[in-house]
């Protein structure tokens, strides 16, 4: 069975990154705190689970959520 195309053209994505510099980080054990900007979405949760899989103690990981929706404090 062949999948029908929704478009009459093929989308080609080219990688334009050339000569990128590799960033060297300190070993994760050298950090006192590791802050994850968390939205509870898939990316921040994947980052959390990745750090835990690497063996980073959970007491070193901080999840920070930024209120950017313009909601003021309700008193």
N, C-alpha and C. Protein backbone atom coordinates (compact mmCIF):
# COMPACT_ATOMS: atom_id res chain seq x y z
N UNK A 1 0.84 -1.16 0.00
CA UNK A 1 0.00 0.00 0.00
C UNK A 1 0.89 1.24 0.00
N UNK A 2 0.57 2.17 -0.84
CA UNK A 2 1.35 3.40 -0.95
C UNK A 2 0.62 4.55 -0.28
N UNK A 3 1.37 5.37 0.45
CA UNK A 3 0.77 6.52 1.12
C UNK A 3 0.56 7.65 0.12
N UNK A 4 -0.60 8.25 0.16
CA UNK A 4 -0.89 9.37 -0.72
C UNK A 4 -0.22 10.64 -0.19
N UNK A 5 0.32 11.43 -1.08
CA UNK A 5 0.97 12.67 -0.71
C UNK A 5 -0.07 13.78 -0.63
N UNK A 6 0.05 14.62 0.41
CA UNK A 6 -0.83 15.76 0.54
C UNK A 6 -0.36 16.94 -0.31
N UNK A 7 0.88 16.90 -0.68
CA UNK A 7 1.47 17.99 -1.45
C UNK A 7 2.08 17.43 -2.73
N UNK A 8 2.25 18.29 -3.69
CA UNK A 8 2.84 17.85 -4.95
C UNK A 8 4.35 18.03 -4.99
N UNK A 9 4.95 18.37 -3.87
CA UNK A 9 6.39 18.56 -3.83
C UNK A 9 6.95 17.84 -2.62
N UNK A 10 8.26 17.63 -2.64
CA UNK A 10 8.93 17.02 -1.51
C UNK A 10 9.59 18.11 -0.69
N UNK A 11 9.49 18.02 0.60
CA UNK A 11 10.13 18.98 1.48
C UNK A 11 11.52 18.47 1.81
N UNK A 12 12.52 19.26 1.49
CA UNK A 12 13.89 18.88 1.79
C UNK A 12 14.47 19.87 2.79
N UNK A 13 14.98 19.36 3.87
CA UNK A 13 15.57 20.19 4.91
C UNK A 13 17.07 19.95 4.89
N UNK A 14 17.81 21.03 4.75
CA UNK A 14 19.26 20.93 4.71
C UNK A 14 19.84 21.47 6.01
N UNK A 15 20.89 20.86 6.45
CA UNK A 15 21.58 21.32 7.64
C UNK A 15 22.58 22.40 7.24
N UNK A 16 22.36 23.61 7.71
CA UNK A 16 23.22 24.73 7.36
C UNK A 16 24.28 25.02 8.41
N UNK A 17 24.34 24.22 9.47
CA UNK A 17 25.31 24.46 10.53
C UNK A 17 26.66 23.89 10.11
N UNK A 18 27.64 24.78 10.09
CA UNK A 18 28.99 24.35 9.72
C UNK A 18 29.97 24.85 10.77
N UNK A 19 30.97 24.07 11.02
CA UNK A 19 32.06 24.45 11.93
C UNK A 19 31.54 24.91 13.29
N UNK A 20 30.56 24.20 13.82
CA UNK A 20 30.05 24.58 15.14
C UNK A 20 31.08 24.19 16.20
N UNK A 21 31.18 25.04 17.21
CA UNK A 21 32.13 24.79 18.28
C UNK A 21 31.47 23.93 19.34
N UNK A 22 32.21 22.97 19.83
CA UNK A 22 31.71 22.09 20.87
C UNK A 22 31.89 22.80 22.22
N UNK A 23 30.85 22.80 23.01
CA UNK A 23 30.90 23.44 24.32
C UNK A 23 31.25 22.37 25.35
N UNK A 24 32.29 22.63 26.11
CA UNK A 24 32.69 21.70 27.16
C UNK A 24 32.10 22.16 28.48
N UNK A 25 31.37 21.30 29.15
CA UNK A 25 30.79 21.60 30.44
C UNK A 25 31.61 20.95 31.54
N UNK A 26 31.47 21.48 32.74
CA UNK A 26 32.08 20.83 33.88
C UNK A 26 31.35 19.50 34.11
N UNK A 27 32.00 18.55 34.76
CA UNK A 27 31.28 17.32 35.10
C UNK A 27 30.07 17.65 35.97
N UNK A 28 28.98 16.93 35.78
CA UNK A 28 27.75 17.24 36.51
C UNK A 28 27.95 17.17 38.03
N UNK A 29 28.89 16.38 38.50
CA UNK A 29 29.17 16.29 39.94
C UNK A 29 29.71 17.59 40.51
N UNK A 30 30.29 18.45 39.66
CA UNK A 30 30.87 19.71 40.13
C UNK A 30 29.83 20.79 40.41
N UNK A 31 28.60 20.60 39.98
CA UNK A 31 27.55 21.59 40.17
C UNK A 31 26.84 21.36 41.50
N UNK A 32 26.57 22.46 42.23
CA UNK A 32 25.79 22.36 43.47
C UNK A 32 24.31 22.21 43.16
N UNK A 33 23.84 22.93 42.13
CA UNK A 33 22.43 22.91 41.73
C UNK A 33 22.37 22.84 40.21
N UNK A 34 21.40 22.13 39.71
CA UNK A 34 21.12 22.11 38.27
C UNK A 34 19.69 22.57 38.11
N UNK A 35 19.52 23.70 37.43
CA UNK A 35 18.20 24.31 37.29
C UNK A 35 17.62 23.95 35.94
N UNK A 36 16.40 23.45 35.96
CA UNK A 36 15.65 23.16 34.74
C UNK A 36 14.50 24.15 34.66
N UNK A 37 14.44 24.91 33.59
CA UNK A 37 13.30 25.78 33.36
C UNK A 37 12.14 24.89 32.92
N UNK A 38 11.21 24.67 33.82
CA UNK A 38 10.20 23.63 33.61
C UNK A 38 8.84 24.20 33.27
N UNK A 39 8.25 23.63 32.24
CA UNK A 39 6.88 23.97 31.86
C UNK A 39 5.96 22.77 32.05
N UNK A 40 6.52 21.67 32.47
CA UNK A 40 5.84 20.38 32.59
C UNK A 40 5.53 19.80 31.23
N UNK A 41 6.14 20.34 30.19
CA UNK A 41 5.99 19.80 28.85
C UNK A 41 6.99 18.68 28.60
N UNK A 42 6.97 18.16 27.41
CA UNK A 42 7.81 16.99 27.10
C UNK A 42 9.30 17.31 27.14
N UNK A 43 9.72 18.52 26.75
CA UNK A 43 11.14 18.83 26.73
C UNK A 43 11.73 18.95 28.13
N UNK A 44 11.04 19.69 29.00
CA UNK A 44 11.57 19.85 30.35
C UNK A 44 11.51 18.54 31.12
N UNK A 45 10.47 17.74 30.88
CA UNK A 45 10.39 16.44 31.56
C UNK A 45 11.47 15.49 31.04
N UNK A 46 11.75 15.55 29.74
CA UNK A 46 12.82 14.72 29.17
C UNK A 46 14.17 15.11 29.77
N UNK A 47 14.38 16.40 29.96
CA UNK A 47 15.62 16.87 30.57
C UNK A 47 15.75 16.35 32.00
N UNK A 48 14.66 16.43 32.76
CA UNK A 48 14.66 15.92 34.13
C UNK A 48 14.99 14.43 34.15
N UNK A 49 14.29 13.64 33.34
CA UNK A 49 14.52 12.19 33.32
C UNK A 49 15.92 11.85 32.83
N UNK A 50 16.45 12.64 31.88
CA UNK A 50 17.81 12.41 31.38
C UNK A 50 18.83 12.61 32.50
N UNK A 51 18.67 13.70 33.26
CA UNK A 51 19.60 13.94 34.36
C UNK A 51 19.51 12.85 35.41
N UNK A 52 18.30 12.42 35.72
CA UNK A 52 18.14 11.33 36.69
C UNK A 52 18.75 10.03 36.18
N UNK A 53 18.60 9.75 34.88
CA UNK A 53 19.21 8.56 34.29
C UNK A 53 20.73 8.62 34.33
N UNK A 54 21.29 9.85 34.26
CA UNK A 54 22.73 10.00 34.35
C UNK A 54 23.26 9.83 35.76
N UNK A 55 22.35 9.73 36.72
CA UNK A 55 22.76 9.53 38.10
C UNK A 55 22.86 10.80 38.92
N UNK A 56 22.36 11.92 38.40
CA UNK A 56 22.37 13.16 39.17
C UNK A 56 21.40 13.00 40.33
N UNK A 57 21.85 13.29 41.57
CA UNK A 57 20.94 13.17 42.71
C UNK A 57 19.78 14.17 42.58
N UNK A 58 18.58 13.72 42.91
CA UNK A 58 17.40 14.57 42.76
C UNK A 58 17.48 15.81 43.64
N UNK A 59 18.23 15.75 44.75
CA UNK A 59 18.34 16.92 45.62
C UNK A 59 19.13 18.06 44.97
N UNK A 60 19.89 17.77 43.91
CA UNK A 60 20.63 18.81 43.19
C UNK A 60 19.81 19.46 42.07
N UNK A 61 18.69 18.86 41.71
CA UNK A 61 17.90 19.34 40.58
C UNK A 61 16.78 20.25 41.08
N UNK A 62 16.71 21.45 40.48
CA UNK A 62 15.64 22.39 40.80
C UNK A 62 14.81 22.63 39.55
N UNK A 63 13.49 22.52 39.69
CA UNK A 63 12.58 22.81 38.59
C UNK A 63 12.00 24.20 38.81
N UNK A 64 12.27 25.09 37.87
CA UNK A 64 11.78 26.47 37.97
C UNK A 64 10.74 26.70 36.89
N UNK A 65 9.59 27.21 37.29
CA UNK A 65 8.55 27.57 36.34
C UNK A 65 8.41 29.08 36.33
N UNK A 66 8.42 29.68 35.15
CA UNK A 66 8.31 31.12 35.00
C UNK A 66 6.88 31.48 34.63
N UNK A 67 6.30 32.39 35.38
CA UNK A 67 4.95 32.85 35.06
C UNK A 67 5.08 33.96 34.01
N UNK A 68 4.78 33.60 32.77
CA UNK A 68 4.94 34.56 31.67
C UNK A 68 3.63 34.90 31.01
N UNK A 69 2.53 34.48 31.59
CA UNK A 69 1.23 34.70 30.96
C UNK A 69 0.58 36.00 31.38
N UNK A 70 1.27 36.83 32.16
CA UNK A 70 0.73 38.11 32.57
C UNK A 70 -0.25 38.04 33.72
N UNK A 71 -0.26 36.93 34.43
CA UNK A 71 -1.18 36.78 35.56
C UNK A 71 -0.52 37.41 36.78
N UNK A 72 -1.24 38.35 37.42
CA UNK A 72 -0.72 39.01 38.60
C UNK A 72 -1.09 38.22 39.83
N UNK A 73 -0.39 38.49 40.92
CA UNK A 73 -0.69 37.82 42.19
C UNK A 73 -2.10 38.20 42.63
N UNK A 74 -2.87 37.24 43.02
CA UNK A 74 -4.22 37.49 43.52
C UNK A 74 -4.18 37.46 45.03
N UNK A 75 -4.65 38.55 45.66
CA UNK A 75 -4.61 38.60 47.14
C UNK A 75 -5.99 38.47 47.72
